[in-house]
Amino acid sequence: MTDDATMTIREMCDAYEVTPRTLRFYEAKELIFPIRQGQKRLFTRRDRARLKLILRGKRFGFSLEEIRQLLDLYHMGDAQATQIEKTYEVAEGRLADMKAQRTELDTAIAELEEQMRWGEKMLASLKEPKRAAE
């Protein structure tokens, strides 16, 4: 690492398992704000904290716009109460969506398993030797 305060793009990629393209994309979307020194980007502790939150939000299925809006609430001057409250609201909605998706997936799995059992029976019956008509 260059020093305790900043990391290079390569160090960020290695530490957070992201690509340089991902970091540049998040910068373009104004989610992180590295220090620019010519072509070089230096990422601060703040950028690292924001990246952790971005990656967590993405894992939970938050949109980048939702993540950006939530990160922007950090500086409201209310000890992060607004940010936490709004994050909780978004998370409630996302959790409800995920549970609905899980229910739909459980139903689809059960239907597919049933169809596969039927298919197994059909294959077994087709493999049975045919008896000549008596």
C-alpha atoms as a PDB file:
ATOM      1  CA  MET A   1       0.000   0.000   0.000  1.00  0.00           C
ATOM      2  CA  THR A   2       1.226   3.504  -0.757  1.00  0.00           C
ATOM      3  CA  ASP A   3       0.381   4.753   2.749  1.00  0.00           C
ATOM      4  CA  ASP A   4      -2.366   4.421   5.350  1.00  0.00           C
ATOM      5  CA  ALA A   5      -4.429   7.192   3.821  1.00  0.00           C
ATOM      6  CA  THR A   6      -4.532   6.162   0.149  1.00  0.00           C
ATOM      7  CA  MET A   7      -4.477   3.118  -2.112  1.00  0.00           C
ATOM      8  CA  THR A   8      -3.719   2.822  -5.811  1.00  0.00           C
ATOM      9  CA  ILE A   9      -6.212   1.382  -8.248  1.00  0.00           C
ATOM     10  CA  ARG A  10      -4.278  -1.917  -8.304  1.00  0.00           C
ATOM     11  CA  GLU A  11      -4.315  -2.125  -4.511  1.00  0.00           C
ATOM     12  CA  MET A  12      -8.058  -1.445  -4.492  1.00  0.00           C
ATOM     13  CA  CYS A  13      -8.644  -4.147  -7.094  1.00  0.00           C
ATOM     14  CA  ASP A  14      -6.627  -6.656  -5.101  1.00  0.00           C
ATOM     15  CA  ALA A  15      -8.183  -5.732  -1.751  1.00  0.00           C
ATOM     16  CA  TYR A  16     -11.815  -5.716  -2.899  1.00  0.00           C
ATOM     17  CA  GLU A  17     -11.699  -8.186  -5.795  1.00  0.00           C
ATOM     18  CA  VAL A  18     -12.967  -5.706  -8.369  1.00  0.00           C
ATOM     19  CA  THR A  19     -11.621  -4.678 -11.740  1.00  0.00           C
ATOM     20  CA  PRO A  20     -10.138  -1.306 -12.648  1.00  0.00           C
ATOM     21  CA  ARG A  21     -13.080  -0.892 -15.004  1.00  0.00           C
ATOM     22  CA  THR A  22     -15.479  -1.333 -12.074  1.00  0.00           C
ATOM     23  CA  LEU A  23     -13.688   1.352 -10.069  1.00  0.00           C
ATOM     24  CA  ARG A  24     -13.682   3.748 -13.022  1.00  0.00           C
ATOM     25  CA  PHE A  25     -17.387   3.028 -13.561  1.00  0.00           C
ATOM     26  CA  TYR A  26     -18.204   3.812  -9.920  1.00  0.00           C
ATOM     27  CA  GLU A  27     -16.151   6.983 -10.217  1.00  0.00           C
ATOM     28  CA  ALA A  28     -18.055   8.004 -13.362  1.00  0.00           C
ATOM     29  CA  LYS A  29     -21.339   7.362 -11.517  1.00  0.00           C
ATOM     30  CA  GLU A  30     -20.090   9.647  -8.702  1.00  0.00           C
ATOM     31  CA  LEU A  31     -20.148   6.891  -6.107  1.00  0.00           C
ATOM     32  CA  ILE A  32     -16.443   7.199  -5.242  1.00  0.00           C
ATOM     33  CA  PHE A  33     -14.138  10.178  -5.619  1.00  0.00           C
ATOM     34  CA  PRO A  34     -10.473   9.191  -5.884  1.00  0.00           C
ATOM     35  CA  ILE A  35      -7.774  11.837  -5.864  1.00  0.00           C
ATOM     36  CA  ARG A  36      -6.487  12.361  -9.405  1.00  0.00           C
ATOM     37  CA  GLN A  37      -2.787  12.896  -9.987  1.00  0.00           C
ATOM     38  CA  GLY A  38      -2.517  13.026 -13.756  1.00  0.00           C
ATOM     39  CA  GLN A  39      -3.622   9.569 -14.925  1.00  0.00           C
ATOM     40  CA  LYS A  40      -3.118   8.110 -11.449  1.00  0.00           C
ATOM     41  CA  ARG A  41      -6.024   7.578  -9.064  1.00  0.00           C
ATOM     42  CA  LEU A  42      -5.511   7.441  -5.297  1.00  0.00           C
ATOM     43  CA  PHE A  43      -8.345   6.112  -3.180  1.00  0.00           C
ATOM     44  CA  THR A  44      -8.864   7.457   0.338  1.00  0.00           C
ATOM     45  CA  ARG A  45     -10.288   5.758   3.420  1.00  0.00           C
ATOM     46  CA  ARG A  46     -13.594   7.400   2.538  1.00  0.00           C
ATOM     47  CA  ASP A  47     -13.495   5.809  -0.936  1.00  0.00           C
ATOM     48  CA  ARG A  48     -12.745   2.428   0.616  1.00  0.00           C
ATOM     49  CA  ALA A  49     -15.661   2.725   3.034  1.00  0.00           C
ATOM     50  CA  ARG A  50     -17.966   3.793   0.220  1.00  0.00           C
ATOM     51  CA  LEU A  51     -16.782   0.910  -1.981  1.00  0.00           C
ATOM     52  CA  LYS A  52     -17.547  -1.575   0.800  1.00  0.00           C
ATOM     53  CA  LEU A  53     -21.070  -0.166   1.061  1.00  0.00           C
ATOM     54  CA  ILE A  54     -21.496  -0.195  -2.731  1.00  0.00           C
ATOM     55  CA  LEU A  55     -20.459  -3.832  -2.965  1.00  0.00           C
ATOM     56  CA  ARG A  56     -22.718  -4.806  -0.072  1.00  0.00           C
ATOM     57  CA  GLY A  57     -25.631  -2.906  -1.598  1.00  0.00           C
ATOM     58  CA  LYS A  58     -25.064  -4.600  -4.963  1.00  0.00           C
ATOM     59  CA  ARG A  59     -24.977  -8.015  -3.278  1.00  0.00           C
ATOM     60  CA  PHE A  60     -28.354  -7.234  -1.703  1.00  0.00           C
ATOM     61  CA  GLY A  61     -29.757  -6.148  -5.068  1.00  0.00           C
ATOM     62  CA  PHE A  62     -29.902  -2.394  -4.515  1.00  0.00           C
ATOM     63  CA  SER A  63     -29.679  -0.348  -7.698  1.00  0.00           C
ATOM     64  CA  LEU A  64     -26.678   1.925  -8.156  1.00  0.00           C
ATOM     65  CA  GLU A  65     -29.017   4.913  -8.011  1.00  0.00           C
ATOM     66  CA  GLU A  66     -30.406   3.738  -4.653  1.00  0.00           C
ATOM     67  CA  ILE A  67     -26.865   3.245  -3.378  1.00  0.00           C
ATOM     68  CA  ARG A  68     -25.803   6.693  -4.586  1.00  0.00           C
ATOM     69  CA  GLN A  69     -28.779   8.347  -2.902  1.00  0.00           C
ATOM     70  CA  LEU A  70     -28.126   6.502   0.353  1.00  0.00           C
ATOM     71  CA  LEU A  71     -24.433   7.408   0.333  1.00  0.00           C
ATOM     72  CA  ASP A  72     -25.318  11.048  -0.322  1.00  0.00           C
ATOM     73  CA  LEU A  73     -27.318  11.112   2.941  1.00  0.00           C
ATOM     74  CA  TYR A  74     -24.150  10.610   4.999  1.00  0.00           C
ATOM     75  CA  HIS A  75     -23.516  14.358   5.380  1.00  0.00           C
ATOM     76  CA  MET A  76     -26.997  15.359   6.589  1.00  0.00           C
ATOM     77  CA  GLY A  77     -25.629  16.493   9.941  1.00  0.00           C
ATOM     78  CA  ASP A  78     -27.947  14.277  11.970  1.00  0.00           C
ATOM     79  CA  ALA A  79     -25.456  11.601  13.076  1.00  0.00           C
ATOM     80  CA  GLN A  80     -26.492   9.498  10.083  1.00  0.00           C
ATOM     81  CA  ALA A  81     -30.069   9.056  11.359  1.00  0.00           C
ATOM     82  CA  THR A  82     -31.591   9.966   7.974  1.00  0.00           C
ATOM     83  CA  GLN A  83     -29.165   7.718   6.124  1.00  0.00           C
ATOM     84  CA  ILE A  84     -29.839   4.752   8.396  1.00  0.00           C
ATOM     85  CA  GLU A  85     -33.606   5.301   8.321  1.00  0.00           C
ATOM     86  CA  LYS A  86     -33.722   5.508   4.529  1.00  0.00           C
ATOM     87  CA  THR A  87     -31.385   2.508   4.158  1.00  0.00           C
ATOM     88  CA  TYR A  88     -33.689   0.527   6.427  1.00  0.00           C
ATOM     89  CA  GLU A  89     -36.715   1.448   4.280  1.00  0.00           C
ATOM     90  CA  VAL A  90     -34.963   0.426   1.061  1.00  0.00           C
ATOM     91  CA  ALA A  91     -33.753  -2.783   2.709  1.00  0.00           C
ATOM     92  CA  GLU A  92     -37.301  -3.666   3.822  1.00  0.00           C
ATOM     93  CA  GLY A  93     -38.508  -3.382   0.247  1.00  0.00           C
ATOM     94  CA  ARG A  94     -35.591  -5.374  -1.106  1.00  0.00           C
ATOM     95  CA  LEU A  95     -36.066  -8.099   1.509  1.00  0.00           C
ATOM     96  CA  ALA A  96     -39.753  -8.406   0.575  1.00  0.00           C
ATOM     97  CA  ASP A  97     -38.746  -8.724  -3.099  1.00  0.00           C
ATOM     98  CA  MET A  98     -36.141 -11.377  -2.288  1.00  0.00           C
ATOM     99  CA  LYS A  99     -38.636 -13.404  -0.240  1.00  0.00           C
ATOM    100  CA  ALA A 100     -41.158 -13.245  -3.097  1.00  0.00           C
ATOM    101  CA  GLN A 101     -38.460 -14.399  -5.529  1.00  0.00           C
ATOM    102  CA  ARG A 102     -37.570 -17.249  -3.179  1.00  0.00           C
ATOM    103  CA  THR A 103     -41.222 -18.340  -3.042  1.00  0.00           C
ATOM    104  CA  GLU A 104     -41.443 -18.269  -6.836  1.00  0.00           C
ATOM    105  CA  LEU A 105     -38.194 -20.213  -7.101  1.00  0.00           C
ATOM    106  CA  ASP A 106     -39.351 -22.813  -4.561  1.00  0.00           C
ATOM    107  CA  THR A 107     -42.536 -23.306  -6.602  1.00  0.00           C
ATOM    108  CA  ALA A 108     -40.600 -23.630  -9.868  1.00  0.00           C
ATOM    109  CA  ILE A 109     -38.196 -26.138  -8.263  1.00  0.00           C
ATOM    110  CA  ALA A 110     -41.083 -28.257  -6.966  1.00  0.00           C
ATOM    111  CA  GLU A 111     -42.740 -28.241 -10.419  1.00  0.00           C
ATOM    112  CA  LEU A 112     -39.501 -29.175 -12.160  1.00  0.00           C
ATOM    113  CA  GLU A 113     -38.847 -32.001  -9.703  1.00  0.00           C
ATOM    114  CA  GLU A 114     -42.357 -33.317 -10.360  1.00  0.00           C
ATOM    115  CA  GLN A 115     -41.803 -33.198 -14.113  1.00  0.00           C
ATOM    116  CA  MET A 116     -38.476 -34.979 -13.744  1.00  0.00           C
ATOM    117  CA  ARG A 117     -40.097 -37.763 -11.692  1.00  0.00           C
ATOM    118  CA  TRP A 118     -42.666 -38.152 -14.468  1.00  0.00           C
ATOM    119  CA  GLY A 119     -39.839 -38.219 -17.034  1.00  0.00           C
ATOM    120  CA  GLU A 120     -37.999 -40.912 -15.065  1.00  0.00           C
ATOM    121  CA  LYS A 121     -41.137 -43.083 -15.033  1.00  0.00           C
ATOM    122  CA  MET A 122     -41.648 -42.569 -18.762  1.00  0.00           C
ATOM    123  CA  LEU A 123     -38.040 -43.494 -19.547  1.00  0.00           C
ATOM    124  CA  ALA A 124     -38.234 -46.575 -17.343  1.00  0.00           C
ATOM    125  CA  SER A 125     -41.439 -47.730 -19.032  1.00  0.00           C
ATOM    126  CA  LEU A 126     -39.925 -47.219 -22.481  1.00  0.00           C
ATOM    127  CA  LYS A 127     -36.923 -49.333 -21.536  1.00  0.00           C
ATOM    128  CA  GLU A 128     -39.045 -52.278 -20.349  1.00  0.00           C
ATOM    129  CA  PRO A 129     -39.036 -55.155 -22.785  1.00  0.00           C
ATOM    130  CA  LYS A 130     -42.160 -55.305 -24.883  1.00  0.00           C
ATOM    131  CA  ARG A 131     -44.233 -58.432 -24.547  1.00  0.00           C
ATOM    132  CA  ALA A 132     -45.741 -59.887 -27.658  1.00  0.00           C
ATOM    133  CA  ALA A 133     -49.503 -59.934 -27.751  1.00  0.00           C
ATOM    134  CA  GLU A 134     -50.863 -63.249 -26.581  1.00  0.00           C
END
